[in-house]
Amino acid sequence: MTVTPDSAQPRASFAEALAVYLKPRVLIVLFLGFASGLPLALSGSTLAVWLTERGVDLGTIGLFSLVGLPYTFKFIWAPLTDALDVPLLSRALGRRRGWLVFTQLWLVAAIVLLGFCDPVTSLPLVIFGAVLVATASATQDIVIDAFRVESLDTSEQGAGMAGYVAAYRIGMLASGAGVLVLVAWLEAQGVARNAVWMWGYIAAACFMAVGILATLLATEPEAPQQAVDHSHKPLRRLYETATGAFGQFLARDAAIAVLLFVVLYKFCDAFAGALTAAFVINIGFDKATYAAVVKGVGLAAALIGGFAGGSMVRALPLSTSLWIGGFLQMASNLTFSWLALVGVSVPALTATIIVENFTGAIGTVVFVAYLSALCGDRAHTATQFALLTALAAVGRTTLASGGGFIAEYSGWVTFFAITAVSAIPSLLLLWWLQARGHFRALEAKRA
């Protein structure tokens, strides 16, 4: 009988699966997750509140969502971080850490600049500052993803991603609710309204010290053995890195099916999630109740689910974890159909949000562990991971965009049943890839 990697490898005990979270390199990734999540609200929801308070019209505020485009197109400049060094910083710290410190200092400067702007008198400068923050944040995400994949063993990827996701959410909370609470407190202390937002953004910039300190305490990942030849001119190195990264990935067995699976695996979750808020308000809950349940109970469930997913990835084969995550996401959508039948019931809403956040976090951690395993060549980690995450976002942005029309035609109970069924194509692809032996090489790395 042939022994497969899945059967040959002894699985970690539950205690070992939990102990991995205390490893120094996993803790470093956790703190980098906080630095990654911190800037998002500063160019998004927090900025929208500031603009609203300063009397900017709703049409203009809506257009500010476009400042988030760098997160979608970050794969375009990702080869820069694989091919080129940052002068002085990379020489002192290494390529990955040099890029990290560069983007983190860039973020501090951009956040402070945005904080000093006035939406009433200098709206173009606010736009420039917000785009600068989003671009720096997207670049930091590129480098952190590459650093995480290269620093952690394959068996540690799930735990690393779980810690990263948890800290990312806390970073978003700090720059979202945290900044708003600080602004409200400063106003209560008598600080002028046109100055409180400046201090709120300065405080957020100071929190970037968490990421800078984590970067300085980290160990630079081992350089790739087959790195791009540095004797070439920079543009030549950049061209070789970009073409090598995309070409190498497309040359692998069943590359198109893998890319399609990446697009579809989280689609079920995104399809339902796009209309979750509208659904809850539509059936009769008020905004305060929904916000309290999602921000409070939902956040706690997501954090627990993230760590559960990390432990599962470490203890089980990657393919098995993907199956469990896929079925959990599929089943969680049906709880919204149940809520639509129950109607306005806070306990039912709470149970639904707990299930949705818990299972969604498990699916996210498992999925990102899979993406990390796909990025095998360290010379192209940043570029390939940025490409994969951009493809994964297609389900959330493009494919889920027509959900509102389906919900209007079918009703909420049927709509969420349809979103659950939308998971089937990804599960069929998972079965086909597993039967083809796609996961054997990925699992072998964990042995």
Protein backbone atom coordinates (compact mmCIF):
# COMPACT_ATOMS: atom_id res chain seq x y z
CA MET A 1 0.00 0.00 0.00
CA THR A 2 1.31 3.46 -0.89
CA VAL A 3 1.78 5.78 2.05
CA THR A 4 0.60 9.30 1.32
CA PRO A 5 1.95 12.35 3.12
CA ASP A 6 -1.37 12.73 4.91
CA SER A 7 -1.13 9.28 6.46
CA ALA A 8 2.61 9.27 7.01
CA GLN A 9 2.82 12.47 9.00
CA PRO A 10 2.03 12.31 12.72
CA ARG A 11 -0.45 15.01 13.62
CA ALA A 12 0.18 17.48 16.40
CA SER A 13 -1.67 17.06 19.70
CA PHE A 14 -4.14 19.70 20.75
CA ALA A 15 -1.67 21.04 23.34
CA GLU A 16 1.04 21.31 20.68
CA ALA A 17 -1.42 23.03 18.37
CA LEU A 18 -2.05 25.68 21.04
CA ALA A 19 1.62 26.01 22.07
CA VAL A 20 2.56 27.18 18.57
CA TYR A 21 0.92 30.55 19.29
CA LEU A 22 3.64 31.31 21.85
CA LYS A 23 6.53 30.84 19.44
CA PRO A 24 8.44 34.13 18.96
CA ARG A 25 8.06 34.22 15.17
CA VAL A 26 4.30 33.60 15.46
CA LEU A 27 4.02 36.41 18.02
CA ILE A 28 5.93 38.72 15.66
CA VAL A 29 3.38 38.01 12.93
CA LEU A 30 0.59 38.73 15.42
CA PHE A 31 1.94 42.21 16.18
CA LEU A 32 2.48 42.86 12.47
CA GLY A 33 -1.21 41.99 12.02
CA PHE A 34 -2.10 44.88 14.34
CA ALA A 35 0.05 47.23 12.24
CA SER A 36 -1.66 45.94 9.08
CA GLY A 37 -5.20 46.46 10.36
CA LEU A 38 -4.57 49.87 11.91
CA PRO A 39 -4.50 52.07 8.75
CA LEU A 40 -7.62 50.63 7.08
CA ALA A 41 -10.26 52.65 8.93
CA LEU A 42 -8.17 55.83 8.78
CA SER A 43 -8.80 56.08 5.04
CA GLY A 44 -12.23 54.42 5.30
CA SER A 45 -14.91 54.47 8.00
CA THR A 46 -13.15 56.83 10.44
CA LEU A 47 -12.45 59.28 7.64
CA ALA A 48 -16.11 59.07 6.56
CA VAL A 49 -17.25 60.05 10.06
CA TRP A 50 -14.83 62.98 10.06
CA LEU A 51 -16.03 64.16 6.64
CA THR A 52 -19.67 63.86 7.70
CA GLU A 53 -19.09 65.87 10.85
CA ARG A 54 -17.35 68.59 8.85
CA GLY A 55 -20.35 68.89 6.52
CA VAL A 56 -18.98 67.24 3.36
CA ASP A 57 -21.86 66.12 1.10
CA LEU A 58 -22.80 62.42 0.92
CA GLY A 59 -21.96 62.13 -2.78
CA THR A 60 -18.39 63.19 -2.16
CA ILE A 61 -18.10 60.91 0.89
CA GLY A 62 -19.29 57.99 -1.25
CA LEU A 63 -16.60 58.70 -3.84
CA PHE A 64 -13.98 58.39 -1.10
CA SER A 65 -14.44 54.61 -1.27
CA LEU A 66 -12.26 54.81 -4.39
CA VAL A 67 -9.22 55.60 -2.25
CA GLY A 68 -9.24 51.90 -1.36
CA LEU A 69 -8.32 50.85 -4.92
CA PRO A 70 -4.63 50.34 -4.01
CA TYR A 71 -5.70 47.30 -1.95
CA THR A 72 -7.20 45.75 -5.10
CA PHE A 73 -4.34 46.51 -7.48
CA LYS A 74 -1.41 46.01 -5.13
CA PHE A 75 -0.18 43.01 -7.13
CA ILE A 76 0.91 45.46 -9.87
CA TRP A 77 3.77 46.88 -7.78
CA ALA A 78 4.36 43.80 -5.61
CA PRO A 79 7.34 42.74 -7.79
CA LEU A 80 9.17 45.85 -6.54
CA THR A 81 9.36 44.35 -3.05
CA ASP A 82 10.63 41.02 -4.41
CA ALA A 83 13.23 42.47 -6.76
CA LEU A 84 14.61 45.63 -5.21
CA ASP A 85 16.17 46.68 -1.90
CA VAL A 86 15.37 49.84 0.04
CA PRO A 87 18.53 51.94 0.20
CA LEU A 88 20.23 51.83 3.61
CA LEU A 89 17.33 50.07 5.37
CA SER A 90 17.64 46.78 3.45
CA ARG A 91 21.41 46.82 3.91
CA ALA A 92 20.98 47.16 7.68
CA LEU A 93 17.91 44.98 8.22
CA GLY A 94 17.54 42.73 5.18
CA ARG A 95 15.17 43.08 2.23
CA ARG A 96 11.88 42.16 3.94
CA ARG A 97 12.48 44.07 7.17
CA GLY A 98 13.91 47.01 5.26
CA TRP A 99 10.73 47.27 3.20
CA LEU A 100 8.63 46.86 6.36
CA VAL A 101 10.31 49.73 8.21
CA PHE A 102 10.13 51.88 5.06
CA THR A 103 6.37 51.35 4.63
CA GLN A 104 5.72 51.78 8.35
CA LEU A 105 7.56 55.11 8.45
CA TRP A 106 5.70 56.07 5.27
CA LEU A 107 2.43 55.25 7.03
CA VAL A 108 3.31 57.34 10.08
CA ALA A 109 4.05 60.35 7.87
CA ALA A 110 0.93 59.84 5.71
CA ILE A 111 -1.39 59.44 8.73
CA VAL A 112 -0.02 62.58 10.37
CA LEU A 113 -0.33 64.48 7.09
CA LEU A 114 -3.97 63.38 6.75
CA GLY A 115 -4.65 64.42 10.33
CA PHE A 116 -3.38 67.93 9.68
CA CYS A 117 -5.71 68.40 6.69
CA ASP A 118 -9.04 70.23 6.89
CA PRO A 119 -11.87 68.68 4.83
CA VAL A 120 -13.57 72.06 4.53
CA THR A 121 -10.67 74.18 3.27
CA SER A 122 -8.39 71.58 1.63
CA LEU A 123 -10.44 68.63 0.39
CA PRO A 124 -7.97 67.82 -2.46
CA LEU A 125 -5.21 67.50 0.15
CA VAL A 126 -7.45 65.17 2.19
CA ILE A 127 -7.90 63.01 -0.92
CA PHE A 128 -4.15 62.97 -1.50
CA GLY A 129 -3.49 62.06 2.13
CA ALA A 130 -6.08 59.27 2.12
CA VAL A 131 -4.66 57.76 -1.09
CA LEU A 132 -1.17 58.01 0.41
CA VAL A 133 -2.32 56.14 3.53
CA ALA A 134 -4.09 53.44 1.48
CA THR A 135 -1.12 52.95 -0.84
CA ALA A 136 1.36 52.71 2.03
CA SER A 137 -0.98 50.32 3.85
CA ALA A 138 -1.41 48.09 0.79
CA THR A 139 2.37 48.00 0.32
CA GLN A 140 2.87 47.09 3.96
CA ASP A 141 0.34 44.26 3.50
CA ILE A 142 2.37 42.94 0.53
CA VAL A 143 5.54 42.80 2.58
CA ILE A 144 3.91 41.40 5.74
CA ASP A 145 2.30 38.59 3.74
CA ALA A 146 5.66 37.72 2.19
CA PHE A 147 7.42 37.97 5.56
CA ARG A 148 4.84 35.70 7.21
CA VAL A 149 5.00 33.06 4.49
CA GLU A 150 8.82 33.04 4.50
CA SER A 151 9.30 33.22 8.30
CA LEU A 152 6.90 30.49 9.43
CA ASP A 153 7.13 26.78 8.83
CA THR A 154 4.23 25.33 6.86
CA SER A 155 2.88 23.77 10.07
CA GLU A 156 2.86 27.22 11.67
CA GLN A 157 1.07 29.05 8.87
CA GLY A 158 -2.41 28.45 10.27
CA ALA A 159 -1.47 29.68 13.74
CA GLY A 160 0.36 32.65 12.27
CA MET A 161 -2.65 33.62 10.18
CA ALA A 162 -5.02 33.17 13.13
CA GLY A 163 -2.95 35.52 15.25
CA TYR A 164 -2.61 37.90 12.33
CA VAL A 165 -6.37 38.03 11.71
CA ALA A 166 -7.13 38.56 15.41
CA ALA A 167 -4.61 41.37 15.74
CA TYR A 168 -5.75 42.85 12.40
CA ARG A 169 -9.28 43.18 13.75
CA ILE A 170 -7.99 44.76 16.95
CA GLY A 171 -5.95 47.23 14.87
CA MET A 172 -9.09 48.14 12.92
CA LEU A 173 -10.95 48.58 16.21
CA ALA A 174 -8.21 50.89 17.52
CA SER A 175 -8.30 53.13 14.44
CA GLY A 176 -12.08 52.95 14.18
CA ALA A 177 -13.92 52.96 17.50
CA GLY A 178 -10.72 53.87 19.39
CA VAL A 179 -10.09 57.07 17.46
CA LEU A 180 -13.78 58.04 17.66
CA VAL A 181 -13.80 57.56 21.43
CA LEU A 182 -10.63 59.65 21.76
CA VAL A 183 -12.10 62.40 19.57
CA ALA A 184 -15.31 62.45 21.64
CA TRP A 185 -13.30 62.60 24.88
CA LEU A 186 -11.16 65.47 23.61
CA GLU A 187 -14.29 67.39 22.65
CA ALA A 188 -15.68 66.81 26.13
CA GLN A 189 -12.46 68.26 27.55
CA GLY A 190 -13.02 71.45 25.60
CA VAL A 191 -10.54 70.91 22.74
CA ALA A 192 -11.59 72.78 19.60
CA ARG A 193 -13.53 70.65 17.11
CA ASN A 194 -11.16 71.47 14.23
CA ALA A 195 -8.24 70.14 16.33
CA VAL A 196 -9.64 66.94 17.86
CA TRP A 197 -9.38 64.95 14.64
CA MET A 198 -5.76 65.99 14.21
CA TRP A 199 -4.95 64.55 17.64
CA GLY A 200 -6.96 61.42 16.88
CA TYR A 201 -4.89 60.74 13.77
CA ILE A 202 -1.64 61.57 15.57
CA ALA A 203 -2.56 58.99 18.24
CA ALA A 204 -3.22 56.42 15.50
CA ALA A 205 0.18 57.21 13.93
CA CYS A 206 1.81 56.60 17.32
CA PHE A 207 0.25 53.12 17.43
CA MET A 208 2.32 52.25 14.34
CA ALA A 209 5.21 51.95 16.82
CA VAL A 210 3.85 48.45 17.56
CA GLY A 211 4.62 47.35 14.00
CA ILE A 212 7.99 49.10 13.87
CA LEU A 213 9.10 47.49 17.14
CA ALA A 214 7.93 44.06 15.96
CA THR A 215 9.91 44.49 12.74
CA LEU A 216 13.07 45.48 14.59
CA LEU A 217 12.76 42.49 16.96
CA ALA A 218 12.08 40.05 14.11
CA THR A 219 14.63 37.91 12.33
CA GLU A 220 15.05 38.45 8.60
CA PRO A 221 13.81 35.39 6.65
CA GLU A 222 16.45 33.35 4.88
CA ALA A 223 17.19 34.74 1.40
CA PRO A 224 15.98 32.59 -1.53
CA GLN A 225 18.56 30.24 -3.01
CA GLN A 226 17.57 31.09 -6.57
CA ALA A 227 17.30 34.84 -6.21
CA VAL A 228 17.19 37.15 -9.20
CA ASP A 229 20.68 38.04 -10.43
CA HIS A 230 21.56 41.37 -8.87
CA SER A 231 24.20 42.13 -11.46
CA HIS A 232 21.44 43.32 -13.80
CA LYS A 233 20.15 46.86 -13.83
CA PRO A 234 17.18 47.49 -11.49
CA LEU A 235 14.60 47.58 -14.28
CA ARG A 236 15.92 44.32 -15.66
CA ARG A 237 15.72 42.72 -12.19
CA LEU A 238 12.18 43.99 -11.81
CA TYR A 239 11.13 42.58 -15.20
CA GLU A 240 12.68 39.18 -14.43
CA THR A 241 11.00 39.05 -11.04
CA ALA A 242 7.54 39.91 -12.37
CA THR A 243 7.66 37.54 -15.34
CA GLY A 244 9.26 34.83 -13.25
CA ALA A 245 6.61 35.04 -10.52
CA PHE A 246 3.62 34.86 -12.85
CA GLY A 247 5.24 32.41 -15.25
CA GLN A 248 6.31 30.04 -12.51
CA PHE A 249 2.83 29.91 -11.01
CA LEU A 250 1.10 29.35 -14.34
CA ALA A 251 3.53 26.54 -15.16
CA ARG A 252 2.39 24.41 -12.23
CA ASP A 253 0.02 21.48 -12.74
CA ALA A 254 -3.68 22.46 -12.97
CA ALA A 255 -2.77 26.14 -12.54
CA ILE A 256 -6.04 27.42 -14.03
CA ALA A 257 -8.13 25.16 -11.79
CA VAL A 258 -6.14 26.33 -8.77
CA LEU A 259 -6.74 29.97 -9.67
CA LEU A 260 -10.46 29.29 -10.18
CA PHE A 261 -10.60 27.58 -6.79
CA VAL A 262 -8.93 30.63 -5.23
CA VAL A 263 -11.64 32.84 -6.74
CA LEU A 264 -14.54 30.62 -5.62
CA TYR A 265 -13.61 29.23 -2.19
CA LYS A 266 -14.69 32.31 -0.19
CA PHE A 267 -17.40 33.35 -2.65
CA CYS A 268 -20.16 31.65 -0.65
CA ASP A 269 -19.18 33.66 2.42
CA ALA A 270 -18.80 36.92 0.48
CA PHE A 271 -22.07 36.45 -1.42
CA ALA A 272 -24.06 36.38 1.81
CA GLY A 273 -21.87 38.90 3.63
CA ALA A 274 -22.44 41.61 1.04
CA LEU A 275 -26.08 41.92 2.11
CA THR A 276 -25.93 40.88 5.77
CA ALA A 277 -26.31 44.41 7.14
CA ALA A 278 -29.10 45.31 4.71
CA PHE A 279 -30.93 42.07 5.56
CA VAL A 280 -30.81 42.64 9.31
CA ILE A 281 -32.11 46.20 9.02
CA ASN A 282 -34.69 45.18 6.41
CA ILE A 283 -36.37 42.55 8.60
CA GLY A 284 -36.84 45.02 11.45
CA PHE A 285 -33.75 45.36 13.66
CA ASP A 286 -32.50 48.87 14.42
CA LYS A 287 -28.94 49.95 13.62
CA ALA A 288 -27.93 50.19 17.27
CA THR A 289 -28.88 46.56 17.96
CA TYR A 290 -27.12 45.31 14.87
CA ALA A 291 -23.97 47.31 15.62
CA ALA A 292 -23.88 46.12 19.24
CA VAL A 293 -24.19 42.47 18.26
CA VAL A 294 -21.73 42.62 15.37
CA LYS A 295 -19.08 44.77 17.07
CA GLY A 296 -19.32 43.01 20.41
CA VAL A 297 -20.41 39.38 20.16
CA GLY A 298 -19.42 39.10 16.48
CA LEU A 299 -15.86 40.28 17.10
CA ALA A 300 -15.38 37.84 19.97
CA ALA A 301 -16.74 34.96 17.86
CA ALA A 302 -14.43 35.90 14.98
CA LEU A 303 -11.37 35.98 17.24
CA ILE A 304 -12.20 32.57 18.74
CA GLY A 305 -12.94 31.16 15.28
CA GLY A 306 -9.62 32.44 13.97
CA PHE A 307 -7.63 30.69 16.68
CA ALA A 308 -9.74 27.54 16.26
CA GLY A 309 -8.97 27.59 12.54
CA GLY A 310 -5.26 28.01 13.21
CA SER A 311 -5.23 25.04 15.58
CA MET A 312 -7.19 22.96 13.06
CA VAL A 313 -4.75 23.70 10.24
CA ARG A 314 -1.85 22.63 12.42
CA ALA A 315 -3.54 19.45 13.63
CA LEU A 316 -5.18 18.28 10.37
CA PRO A 317 -4.13 17.88 6.72
CA LEU A 318 -4.58 21.04 4.67
CA SER A 319 -7.10 19.38 2.34
CA THR A 320 -9.20 18.17 5.29
CA SER A 321 -9.14 21.66 6.81
CA LEU A 322 -10.36 23.13 3.51
CA TRP A 323 -13.24 20.64 3.41
CA ILE A 324 -14.28 21.50 6.97
CA GLY A 325 -13.99 25.23 6.34
CA GLY A 326 -16.00 24.97 3.13
CA PHE A 327 -18.87 23.04 4.71
CA LEU A 328 -18.95 25.33 7.75
CA GLN A 329 -19.22 28.42 5.54
CA MET A 330 -21.95 26.75 3.51
CA ALA A 331 -23.95 25.78 6.60
CA SER A 332 -23.56 29.18 8.27
CA ASN A 333 -25.41 30.89 5.42
CA LEU A 334 -28.45 28.76 6.18
CA THR A 335 -28.63 30.29 9.67
CA PHE A 336 -29.60 33.56 7.96
CA SER A 337 -32.46 31.76 6.23
CA TRP A 338 -33.52 30.57 9.68
CA LEU A 339 -33.29 34.13 11.05
CA ALA A 340 -35.44 35.36 8.17
CA LEU A 341 -38.12 32.85 9.24
CA VAL A 342 -37.82 33.71 12.95
CA GLY A 343 -37.95 37.46 12.39
CA VAL A 344 -36.99 40.12 14.94
CA SER A 345 -35.42 38.22 17.83
CA VAL A 346 -32.23 39.46 19.47
CA PRO A 347 -31.24 35.96 20.72
CA ALA A 348 -31.72 34.58 17.19
CA LEU A 349 -29.70 37.45 15.70
CA THR A 350 -26.95 36.89 18.26
CA ALA A 351 -26.80 33.17 17.51
CA THR A 352 -26.69 33.83 13.76
CA ILE A 353 -23.90 36.41 14.05
CA ILE A 354 -21.89 34.08 16.32
CA VAL A 355 -22.16 31.22 13.84
CA GLU A 356 -21.39 33.46 10.84
CA ASN A 357 -18.32 35.12 12.40
CA PHE A 358 -16.96 31.93 13.96
CA THR A 359 -17.22 29.82 10.79
CA GLY A 360 -16.14 32.68 8.52
CA ALA A 361 -12.98 33.19 10.55
CA ILE A 362 -12.17 29.47 10.38
CA GLY A 363 -12.64 29.53 6.61
CA THR A 364 -10.44 32.60 6.25
CA VAL A 365 -7.56 31.18 8.27
CA VAL A 366 -7.69 27.83 6.47
CA PHE A 367 -7.87 29.52 3.08
CA VAL A 368 -4.95 31.86 3.71
CA ALA A 369 -2.90 28.93 5.00
CA TYR A 370 -3.58 27.29 1.62
CA LEU A 371 -2.56 30.44 -0.27
CA SER A 372 0.63 30.57 1.78
CA ALA A 373 1.43 26.98 0.87
CA LEU A 374 0.99 27.81 -2.82
CA CYS A 375 3.74 30.47 -2.63
CA GLY A 376 6.68 28.10 -2.55
CA ASP A 377 9.46 30.13 -4.19
CA ARG A 378 10.80 32.76 -1.82
CA ALA A 379 12.11 34.85 -4.69
CA HIS A 380 8.49 35.53 -5.70
CA THR A 381 6.52 35.31 -2.44
CA ALA A 382 5.27 38.90 -2.34
CA THR A 383 4.20 38.98 -5.99
CA GLN A 384 2.45 35.60 -5.98
CA PHE A 385 0.64 36.17 -2.69
CA ALA A 386 -0.54 39.61 -3.80
CA LEU A 387 -1.87 38.08 -7.02
CA LEU A 388 -3.72 35.30 -5.15
CA THR A 389 -5.32 37.65 -2.63
CA ALA A 390 -6.40 39.94 -5.47
CA LEU A 391 -8.09 36.98 -7.18
CA ALA A 392 -9.72 35.96 -3.92
CA ALA A 393 -11.23 39.46 -3.70
CA VAL A 394 -13.01 38.96 -7.04
CA GLY A 395 -15.77 36.98 -5.33
CA ARG A 396 -16.30 39.71 -2.76
CA THR A 397 -16.31 42.58 -5.23
CA THR A 398 -17.38 41.53 -8.71
CA LEU A 399 -19.21 38.20 -8.38
CA ALA A 400 -21.25 39.21 -5.33
CA SER A 401 -22.31 42.55 -6.80
CA GLY A 402 -25.60 41.22 -8.22
CA GLY A 403 -26.80 39.74 -4.94
CA GLY A 404 -29.26 42.55 -4.30
CA PHE A 405 -31.23 41.81 -7.46
CA ILE A 406 -31.43 38.11 -6.54
CA ALA A 407 -32.62 38.94 -3.01
CA GLU A 408 -35.32 41.28 -4.35
CA TYR A 409 -36.63 38.59 -6.69
CA SER A 410 -36.38 35.55 -4.40
CA GLY A 411 -36.87 36.86 -0.86
CA TRP A 412 -34.43 36.52 2.03
CA VAL A 413 -35.04 32.86 2.94
CA THR A 414 -34.41 31.67 -0.61
CA PHE A 415 -31.57 34.12 -1.19
CA PHE A 416 -29.45 32.78 1.67
CA ALA A 417 -30.22 29.22 0.58
CA ILE A 418 -28.89 30.19 -2.86
CA THR A 419 -25.73 31.62 -1.29
CA ALA A 420 -25.20 28.30 0.50
CA VAL A 421 -25.59 26.38 -2.76
CA SER A 422 -23.05 28.72 -4.38
CA ALA A 423 -20.37 26.91 -2.34
CA ILE A 424 -20.82 23.72 -4.37
CA PRO A 425 -18.59 24.70 -7.36
CA SER A 426 -15.65 25.36 -5.03
CA LEU A 427 -16.20 22.04 -3.25
CA LEU A 428 -16.29 20.21 -6.60
CA LEU A 429 -13.01 21.88 -7.54
CA LEU A 430 -11.58 20.90 -4.16
CA TRP A 431 -12.58 17.27 -4.79
CA TRP A 432 -11.05 17.36 -8.29
CA LEU A 433 -7.78 18.91 -7.11
CA GLN A 434 -7.50 16.41 -4.26
CA ALA A 435 -8.15 13.48 -6.61
CA ARG A 436 -5.46 14.85 -8.95
CA GLY A 437 -2.92 14.85 -6.13
CA HIS A 438 -2.67 18.62 -5.89
CA PHE A 439 -2.32 18.60 -2.10
CA ARG A 440 0.39 15.91 -1.85
CA ALA A 441 3.25 18.31 -2.53
CA LEU A 442 1.74 20.98 -0.28
CA GLU A 443 1.26 18.48 2.55
CA ALA A 444 4.79 17.10 2.08
CA LYS A 445 6.18 20.49 3.18
CA ARG A 446 4.60 19.94 6.59
CA ALA A 447 6.22 16.57 7.20
